PDB file of N, CA and C in Angstrom:
ATOM      1  N   UNK A   1    -106.665 -73.618 -54.535  1.00  0.00           N
ATOM      2  CA  UNK A   1    -107.860 -73.713 -53.575  1.00  0.00           C
ATOM      3  C   UNK A   1    -108.298 -75.225 -53.716  1.00  0.00           C
ATOM      4  N   UNK A   2    -108.638 -75.770 -52.580  1.00  0.00           N
ATOM      5  CA  UNK A   2    -109.108 -77.139 -52.445  1.00  0.00           C
ATOM      6  C   UNK A   2    -110.525 -77.352 -52.995  1.00  0.00           C
ATOM      7  N   UNK A   3    -110.781 -78.375 -53.615  1.00  0.00           N
ATOM      8  CA  UNK A   3    -112.128 -78.548 -54.079  1.00  0.00           C
ATOM      9  C   UNK A   3    -112.844 -79.435 -53.200  1.00  0.00           C
ATOM     10  N   UNK A   4    -114.106 -79.881 -53.270  1.00  0.00           N
ATOM     11  CA  UNK A   4    -114.902 -80.624 -52.391  1.00  0.00           C
ATOM     12  C   UNK A   4    -114.238 -82.061 -52.162  1.00  0.00           C
ATOM     13  N   UNK A   5    -113.768 -82.588 -53.265  1.00  0.00           N
ATOM     14  CA  UNK A   5    -113.069 -84.000 -52.927  1.00  0.00           C
ATOM     15  C   UNK A   5    -111.900 -83.769 -52.016  1.00  0.00           C
ATOM     16  N   UNK A   6    -111.010 -82.743 -52.227  1.00  0.00           N
ATOM     17  CA  UNK A   6    -110.079 -82.768 -51.252  1.00  0.00           C
ATOM     18  C   UNK A   6    -110.355 -82.510 -49.815  1.00  0.00           C
ATOM     19  N   UNK A   7    -111.445 -81.613 -49.728  1.00  0.00           N
ATOM     20  CA  UNK A   7    -112.151 -81.308 -48.500  1.00  0.00           C
ATOM     21  C   UNK A   7    -112.620 -82.512 -47.619  1.00  0.00           C
ATOM     22  N   UNK A   8    -113.309 -83.428 -48.550  1.00  0.00           N
ATOM     23  CA  UNK A   8    -113.843 -84.588 -47.921  1.00  0.00           C
ATOM     24  C   UNK A   8    -112.766 -85.489 -47.636  1.00  0.00           C
ATOM     25  N   UNK A   9    -111.685 -85.771 -48.401  1.00  0.00           N
ATOM     26  CA  UNK A   9    -110.587 -86.596 -48.104  1.00  0.00           C
ATOM     27  C   UNK A   9    -109.921 -86.237 -46.706  1.00  0.00           C
ATOM     28  N   UNK A  10    -109.708 -84.728 -46.709  1.00  0.00           N
ATOM     29  CA  UNK A  10    -109.012 -84.323 -45.421  1.00  0.00           C
ATOM     30  C   UNK A  10    -109.879 -84.675 -44.168  1.00  0.00           C
ATOM     31  N   UNK A  11    -111.130 -84.506 -44.415  1.00  0.00           N
ATOM     32  CA  UNK A  11    -111.981 -84.664 -43.261  1.00  0.00           C
ATOM     33  C   UNK A  11    -112.060 -86.391 -42.917  1.00  0.00           C
ATOM     34  N   UNK A  12    -112.049 -87.139 -43.908  1.00  0.00           N
ATOM     35  CA  UNK A  12    -112.095 -88.441 -43.826  1.00  0.00           C
ATOM     36  C   UNK A  12    -110.693 -89.078 -43.021  1.00  0.00           C
ATOM     37  N   UNK A  13    -109.654 -88.431 -43.446  1.00  0.00           N
ATOM     38  CA  UNK A  13    -108.509 -88.792 -42.864  1.00  0.00           C
ATOM     39  C   UNK A  13    -108.291 -88.382 -41.366  1.00  0.00           C
ATOM     40  N   UNK A  14    -108.858 -87.153 -40.996  1.00  0.00           N
ATOM     41  CA  UNK A  14    -108.960 -86.645 -39.625  1.00  0.00           C
ATOM     42  C   UNK A  14    -109.755 -87.578 -38.816  1.00  0.00           C
ATOM     43  N   UNK A  15    -110.902 -87.976 -39.352  1.00  0.00           N
ATOM     44  CA  UNK A  15    -111.723 -88.854 -38.649  1.00  0.00           C
ATOM     45  C   UNK A  15    -111.083 -90.282 -38.307  1.00  0.00           C
ATOM     46  N   UNK A  16    -110.454 -90.732 -39.333  1.00  0.00           N
ATOM     47  CA  UNK A  16    -109.698 -92.036 -39.276  1.00  0.00           C
ATOM     48  C   UNK A  16    -108.670 -91.918 -38.178  1.00  0.00           C
ATOM     49  N   UNK A  17    -107.943 -90.911 -38.115  1.00  0.00           N
ATOM     50  CA  UNK A  17    -106.863 -90.645 -37.127  1.00  0.00           C
ATOM     51  C   UNK A  17    -107.420 -90.779 -35.836  1.00  0.00           C
ATOM     52  N   UNK A  18    -108.528 -89.977 -35.599  1.00  0.00           N
ATOM     53  CA  UNK A  18    -109.122 -89.830 -34.374  1.00  0.00           C
ATOM     54  C   UNK A  18    -109.731 -91.162 -33.826  1.00  0.00           C
ATOM     55  N   UNK A  19    -110.399 -92.021 -34.647  1.00  0.00           N
ATOM     56  CA  UNK A  19    -110.855 -93.216 -34.404  1.00  0.00           C
ATOM     57  C   UNK A  19    -109.716 -94.312 -34.102  1.00  0.00           C
ATOM     58  N   UNK A  20    -108.541 -94.145 -34.667  1.00  0.00           N
ATOM     59  CA  UNK A  20    -107.302 -95.098 -34.396  1.00  0.00           C
ATOM     60  C   UNK A  20    -106.874 -94.777 -33.057  1.00  0.00           C
ATOM     61  N   UNK A  21    -106.762 -93.309 -32.738  1.00  0.00           N
ATOM     62  CA  UNK A  21    -106.188 -92.915 -31.471  1.00  0.00           C
ATOM     63  C   UNK A  21    -107.223 -93.444 -30.361  1.00  0.00           C
ATOM     64  N   UNK A  22    -108.562 -93.358 -30.628  1.00  0.00           N
ATOM     65  CA  UNK A  22    -109.426 -93.890 -29.506  1.00  0.00           C
ATOM     66  C   UNK A  22    -109.360 -95.360 -29.396  1.00  0.00           C
ATOM     67  N   UNK A  23    -109.136 -96.015 -30.398  1.00  0.00           N
ATOM     68  CA  UNK A  23    -108.815 -97.606 -30.277  1.00  0.00           C
ATOM     69  C   UNK A  23    -107.560 -97.853 -29.466  1.00  0.00           C
ATOM     70  N   UNK A  24    -106.526 -97.043 -29.708  1.00  0.00           N
ATOM     71  CA  UNK A  24    -105.255 -97.263 -28.898  1.00  0.00           C
ATOM     72  C   UNK A  24    -105.512 -96.938 -27.380  1.00  0.00           C
ATOM     73  N   UNK A  25    -106.319 -95.934 -27.089  1.00  0.00           N
ATOM     74  CA  UNK A  25    -106.461 -95.581 -25.677  1.00  0.00           C
ATOM     75  C   UNK A  25    -107.334 -96.700 -25.013  1.00  0.00           C
ATOM     76  N   UNK A  26    -108.334 -97.372 -25.672  1.00  0.00           N
ATOM     77  CA  UNK A  26    -109.166 -98.445 -25.188  1.00  0.00           C
ATOM     78  C   UNK A  26    -108.505 -99.643 -24.857  1.00  0.00           C
ATOM     79  N   UNK A  27    -107.334 -99.979 -25.661  1.00  0.00           N
ATOM     80  CA  UNK A  27    -106.575-101.147 -25.448  1.00  0.00           C
ATOM     81  C   UNK A  27    -105.667-101.093 -24.208  1.00  0.00           C
ATOM     82  N   UNK A  28    -105.322 -99.861 -23.729  1.00  0.00           N
ATOM     83  CA  UNK A  28    -104.545 -99.823 -22.566  1.00  0.00           C
ATOM     84  C   UNK A  28    -105.207-100.502 -21.264  1.00  0.00           C
ATOM     85  N   UNK A  29    -104.477-101.340 -20.681  1.00  0.00           N
ATOM     86  CA  UNK A  29    -105.162-102.093 -19.549  1.00  0.00           C
ATOM     87  C   UNK A  29    -104.429-101.532 -18.217  1.00  0.00           C
ATOM     88  N   UNK A  30    -105.295-101.226 -17.269  1.00  0.00           N
ATOM     89  CA  UNK A  30    -104.961-100.761 -16.097  1.00  0.00           C
ATOM     90  C   UNK A  30    -104.253-101.976 -15.189  1.00  0.00           C
ATOM     91  N   UNK A  31    -103.042-101.544 -14.510  1.00  0.00           N
ATOM     92  CA  UNK A  31    -102.484-102.599 -13.739  1.00  0.00           C
ATOM     93  C   UNK A  31    -102.509-102.140 -12.208  1.00  0.00           C
ATOM     94  N   UNK A  32    -102.586-103.035 -11.315  1.00  0.00           N
ATOM     95  CA  UNK A  32    -102.401-102.791  -9.927  1.00  0.00           C
ATOM     96  C   UNK A  32    -101.288-102.165  -9.716  1.00  0.00           C
ATOM     97  N   UNK A  33    -101.281-101.098  -8.807  1.00  0.00           N
ATOM     98  CA  UNK A  33    -100.139-100.177  -8.530  1.00  0.00           C
ATOM     99  C   UNK A  33     -99.836-100.210  -7.043  1.00  0.00           C
ATOM    100  N   UNK A  34    -100.701-100.960  -6.208  1.00  0.00           N
ATOM    101  CA  UNK A  34    -100.461-100.850  -4.728  1.00  0.00           C
ATOM    102  C   UNK A  34    -101.312 -99.904  -4.151  1.00  0.00           C
ATOM    103  N   UNK A  35    -102.125 -99.212  -4.817  1.00  0.00           N
ATOM    104  CA  UNK A  35    -103.080 -98.272  -4.171  1.00  0.00           C
ATOM    105  C   UNK A  35    -104.186 -98.119  -5.135  1.00  0.00           C
ATOM    106  N   UNK A  36    -105.352 -97.533  -4.598  1.00  0.00           N
ATOM    107  CA  UNK A  36    -106.454 -97.498  -5.352  1.00  0.00           C
ATOM    108  C   UNK A  36    -106.315 -96.429  -6.473  1.00  0.00           C
ATOM    109  N   UNK A  37    -106.761 -96.771  -7.673  1.00  0.00           N
ATOM    110  CA  UNK A  37    -106.528 -95.943  -8.768  1.00  0.00           C
ATOM    111  C   UNK A  37    -107.479 -94.635  -8.680  1.00  0.00           C
ATOM    112  N   UNK A  38    -108.609 -94.784  -7.931  1.00  0.00           N
ATOM    113  CA  UNK A  38    -109.490 -93.525  -7.690  1.00  0.00           C
ATOM    114  C   UNK A  38    -109.091 -92.654  -6.519  1.00  0.00           C
ATOM    115  N   UNK A  39    -109.004 -93.364  -5.321  1.00  0.00           N
ATOM    116  CA  UNK A  39    -108.764 -92.446  -4.062  1.00  0.00           C
ATOM    117  C   UNK A  39    -107.424 -92.548  -3.586  1.00  0.00           C
ATOM    118  N   UNK A  40    -106.462 -93.354  -4.041  1.00  0.00           N
ATOM    119  CA  UNK A  40    -105.179 -93.507  -3.534  1.00  0.00           C
ATOM    120  C   UNK A  40    -104.993 -94.306  -2.196  1.00  0.00           C
ATOM    121  N   UNK A  41    -106.064 -94.846  -1.685  1.00  0.00           N
ATOM    122  CA  UNK A  41    -106.009 -95.697  -0.401  1.00  0.00           C
ATOM    123  C   UNK A  41    -105.094 -96.858  -0.765  1.00  0.00           C
ATOM    124  N   UNK A  42    -104.121 -97.071   0.267  1.00  0.00           N
ATOM    125  CA  UNK A  42    -103.189 -98.144   0.205  1.00  0.00           C
ATOM    126  C   UNK A  42    -103.482 -99.245   1.257  1.00  0.00           C
ATOM    127  N   UNK A  43    -104.321 -99.000   2.130  1.00  0.00           N
ATOM    128  CA  UNK A  43    -104.591 -99.974   3.140  1.00  0.00           C
ATOM    129  C   UNK A  43    -105.468-101.230   2.781  1.00  0.00           C
ATOM    130  N   UNK A  44    -106.376-100.941   1.910  1.00  0.00           N
ATOM    131  CA  UNK A  44    -107.353-102.134   1.633  1.00  0.00           C
ATOM    132  C   UNK A  44    -107.005-102.755   0.102  1.00  0.00           C
ATOM    133  N   UNK A  45    -105.874-102.570  -0.328  1.00  0.00           N
ATOM    134  CA  UNK A  45    -105.389-102.991  -1.688  1.00  0.00           C
ATOM    135  C   UNK A  45    -104.608-104.273  -1.532  1.00  0.00           C
ATOM    136  N   UNK A  46    -104.938-105.286  -2.283  1.00  0.00           N
ATOM    137  CA  UNK A  46    -104.129-106.476  -2.285  1.00  0.00           C
ATOM    138  C   UNK A  46    -104.153-106.889  -3.874  1.00  0.00           C
ATOM    139  N   UNK A  47    -103.262-106.371  -4.564  1.00  0.00           N
ATOM    140  CA  UNK A  47    -103.224-106.588  -6.078  1.00  0.00           C
ATOM    141  C   UNK A  47    -104.549-106.442  -6.716  1.00  0.00           C
ATOM    142  N   UNK A  48    -105.214-105.299  -6.334  1.00  0.00           N
ATOM    143  CA  UNK A  48    -106.455-104.933  -7.054  1.00  0.00           C
ATOM    144  C   UNK A  48    -106.309-103.475  -7.583  1.00  0.00           C
ATOM    145  N   UNK A  49    -107.314-103.164  -8.462  1.00  0.00           N
ATOM    146  CA  UNK A  49    -107.200-101.820  -9.148  1.00  0.00           C
ATOM    147  C   UNK A  49    -107.861-100.741  -8.220  1.00  0.00           C
ATOM    148  N   UNK A  50    -108.918-101.178  -7.369  1.00  0.00           N
ATOM    149  CA  UNK A  50    -109.673-100.208  -6.659  1.00  0.00           C
ATOM    150  C   UNK A  50    -109.894-100.772  -5.159  1.00  0.00           C
ATOM    151  N   UNK A  51    -110.013 -99.909  -4.159  1.00  0.00           N
ATOM    152  CA  UNK A  51    -110.224-100.445  -2.853  1.00  0.00           C
ATOM    153  C   UNK A  51    -111.488-101.022  -2.588  1.00  0.00           C
ATOM    154  N   UNK A  52    -112.550-100.441  -3.278  1.00  0.00           N
ATOM    155  CA  UNK A  52    -113.879-101.060  -3.183  1.00  0.00           C
ATOM    156  C   UNK A  52    -114.698-100.691  -4.305  1.00  0.00           C
ATOM    157  N   UNK A  53    -115.986-101.248  -4.536  1.00  0.00           N
ATOM    158  CA  UNK A  53    -116.861-101.049  -5.610  1.00  0.00           C
ATOM    159  C   UNK A  53    -117.330 -99.551  -5.742  1.00  0.00           C
ATOM    160  N   UNK A  54    -117.351 -98.823  -4.614  1.00  0.00           N
ATOM    161  CA  UNK A  54    -117.656 -97.472  -4.738  1.00  0.00           C
ATOM    162  C   UNK A  54    -116.724 -96.637  -5.540  1.00  0.00           C
ATOM    163  N   UNK A  55    -115.457 -96.938  -5.286  1.00  0.00           N
ATOM    164  CA  UNK A  55    -114.390 -96.226  -5.999  1.00  0.00           C
ATOM    165  C   UNK A  55    -114.343 -96.657  -7.428  1.00  0.00           C
ATOM    166  N   UNK A  56    -114.587 -98.060  -7.668  1.00  0.00           N
ATOM    167  CA  UNK A  56    -114.519 -98.473  -9.046  1.00  0.00           C
ATOM    168  C   UNK A  56    -115.704 -97.801  -9.812  1.00  0.00           C
ATOM    169  N   UNK A  57    -116.869 -97.747  -9.208  1.00  0.00           N
ATOM    170  CA  UNK A  57    -117.992 -97.106  -9.927  1.00  0.00           C
ATOM    171  C   UNK A  57    -117.742 -95.628 -10.279  1.00  0.00           C
ATOM    172  N   UNK A  58    -117.267 -94.877  -9.169  1.00  0.00           N
ATOM    173  CA  UNK A  58    -116.883 -93.527  -9.362  1.00  0.00           C
ATOM    174  C   UNK A  58    -115.836 -93.381 -10.393  1.00  0.00           C
ATOM    175  N   UNK A  59    -114.769 -94.093 -10.535  1.00  0.00           N
ATOM    176  CA  UNK A  59    -113.810 -94.029 -11.470  1.00  0.00           C
ATOM    177  C   UNK A  59    -114.447 -94.247 -12.888  1.00  0.00           C
ATOM    178  N   UNK A  60    -115.354 -95.229 -12.966  1.00  0.00           N
ATOM    179  CA  UNK A  60    -115.856 -95.608 -14.302  1.00  0.00           C
ATOM    180  C   UNK A  60    -116.786 -94.484 -14.773  1.00  0.00           C
ATOM    181  N   UNK A  61    -117.479 -93.821 -13.822  1.00  0.00           N
ATOM    182  CA  UNK A  61    -118.475 -92.758 -14.046  1.00  0.00           C
ATOM    183  C   UNK A  61    -117.601 -91.663 -14.694  1.00  0.00           C
ATOM    184  N   UNK A  62    -116.580 -91.158 -13.964  1.00  0.00           N
ATOM    185  CA  UNK A  62    -115.701 -90.053 -14.191  1.00  0.00           C
ATOM    186  C   UNK A  62    -114.997 -90.369 -15.532  1.00  0.00           C
ATOM    187  N   UNK A  63    -114.581 -91.564 -15.842  1.00  0.00           N
ATOM    188  CA  UNK A  63    -113.880 -91.948 -17.061  1.00  0.00           C
ATOM    189  C   UNK A  63    -114.973 -91.722 -18.278  1.00  0.00           C
ATOM    190  N   UNK A  64    -116.228 -92.127 -18.009  1.00  0.00           N
ATOM    191  CA  UNK A  64    -117.174 -91.884 -19.071  1.00  0.00           C
ATOM    192  C   UNK A  64    -117.445 -90.427 -19.405  1.00  0.00           C
ATOM    193  N   UNK A  65    -117.497 -89.699 -18.321  1.00  0.00           N
ATOM    194  CA  UNK A  65    -117.778 -88.254 -18.609  1.00  0.00           C
ATOM    195  C   UNK A  65    -116.559 -87.609 -19.242  1.00  0.00           C
ATOM    196  N   UNK A  66    -115.390 -87.937 -18.873  1.00  0.00           N
ATOM    197  CA  UNK A  66    -114.233 -87.224 -19.547  1.00  0.00           C
ATOM    198  C   UNK A  66    -114.137 -87.786 -20.993  1.00  0.00           C
ATOM    199  N   UNK A  67    -114.636 -89.032 -21.319  1.00  0.00           N
ATOM    200  CA  UNK A  67    -114.541 -89.487 -22.704  1.00  0.00           C
ATOM    201  C   UNK A  67    -115.511 -88.673 -23.521  1.00  0.00           C
ATOM    202  N   UNK A  68    -116.826 -88.535 -23.035  1.00  0.00           N
ATOM    203  CA  UNK A  68    -117.794 -87.795 -23.684  1.00  0.00           C
ATOM    204  C   UNK A  68    -117.479 -86.299 -23.949  1.00  0.00           C
ATOM    205  N   UNK A  69    -116.842 -85.772 -22.890  1.00  0.00           N
ATOM    206  CA  UNK A  69    -116.289 -84.395 -23.034  1.00  0.00           C
ATOM    207  C   UNK A  69    -115.080 -84.238 -23.907  1.00  0.00           C
ATOM    208  N   UNK A  70    -114.388 -85.207 -24.363  1.00  0.00           N
ATOM    209  CA  UNK A  70    -113.205 -85.223 -25.074  1.00  0.00           C
ATOM    210  C   UNK A  70    -111.812 -84.756 -24.323  1.00  0.00           C
ATOM    211  N   UNK A  71    -112.092 -85.103 -22.892  1.00  0.00           N
ATOM    212  CA  UNK A  71    -110.872 -84.841 -22.147  1.00  0.00           C
ATOM    213  C   UNK A  71    -109.962 -86.105 -22.001  1.00  0.00           C
ATOM    214  N   UNK A  72    -108.704 -85.898 -21.757  1.00  0.00           N
ATOM    215  CA  UNK A  72    -107.786 -87.059 -21.584  1.00  0.00           C
ATOM    216  C   UNK A  72    -108.130 -87.814 -20.332  1.00  0.00           C
ATOM    217  N   UNK A  73    -107.868 -89.065 -20.437  1.00  0.00           N
ATOM    218  CA  UNK A  73    -108.016 -89.850 -19.289  1.00  0.00           C
ATOM    219  C   UNK A  73    -107.287 -89.449 -18.086  1.00  0.00           C
ATOM    220  N   UNK A  74    -108.009 -89.693 -16.809  1.00  0.00           N
ATOM    221  CA  UNK A  74    -107.396 -89.241 -15.628  1.00  0.00           C
ATOM    222  C   UNK A  74    -106.123 -90.095 -15.402  1.00  0.00           C
ATOM    223  N   UNK A  75    -105.131 -89.370 -14.947  1.00  0.00           N
ATOM    224  CA  UNK A  75    -103.856 -90.048 -14.720  1.00  0.00           C
ATOM    225  C   UNK A  75    -103.822 -90.825 -13.398  1.00  0.00           C
ATOM    226  N   UNK A  76    -103.312 -92.026 -13.451  1.00  0.00           N
ATOM    227  CA  UNK A  76    -103.222 -92.869 -12.368  1.00  0.00           C
ATOM    228  C   UNK A  76    -102.494 -92.211 -11.192  1.00  0.00           C
ATOM    229  N   UNK A  77    -102.988 -92.536  -9.959  1.00  0.00           N
ATOM    230  CA  UNK A  77    -102.171 -91.907  -8.783  1.00  0.00           C
ATOM    231  C   UNK A  77    -100.972 -92.696  -8.528  1.00  0.00           C
ATOM    232  N   UNK A  78     -99.825 -91.931  -8.255  1.00  0.00           N
ATOM    233  CA  UNK A  78     -98.600 -92.690  -7.978  1.00  0.00           C
ATOM    234  C   UNK A  78     -97.965 -92.083  -6.668  1.00  0.00           C
TER     235      UNK A  78
END
């Protein structure tokens, strides 16, 4: 049976693994894909991530909500 020190060590290791995974996710950089990352519009895109500031704000808001809820990041449209 594990004692308190073992339980604390396991908890610390889990926390460290989660923190490292979060850092890796933050480092990923979005690249232009020829369409808006939020709505998929291809008409107003010229090597940009989003077609306008409304889509950029909506994507940022949704991304923050997903992060707070512990959900994976939204997949880029292809």
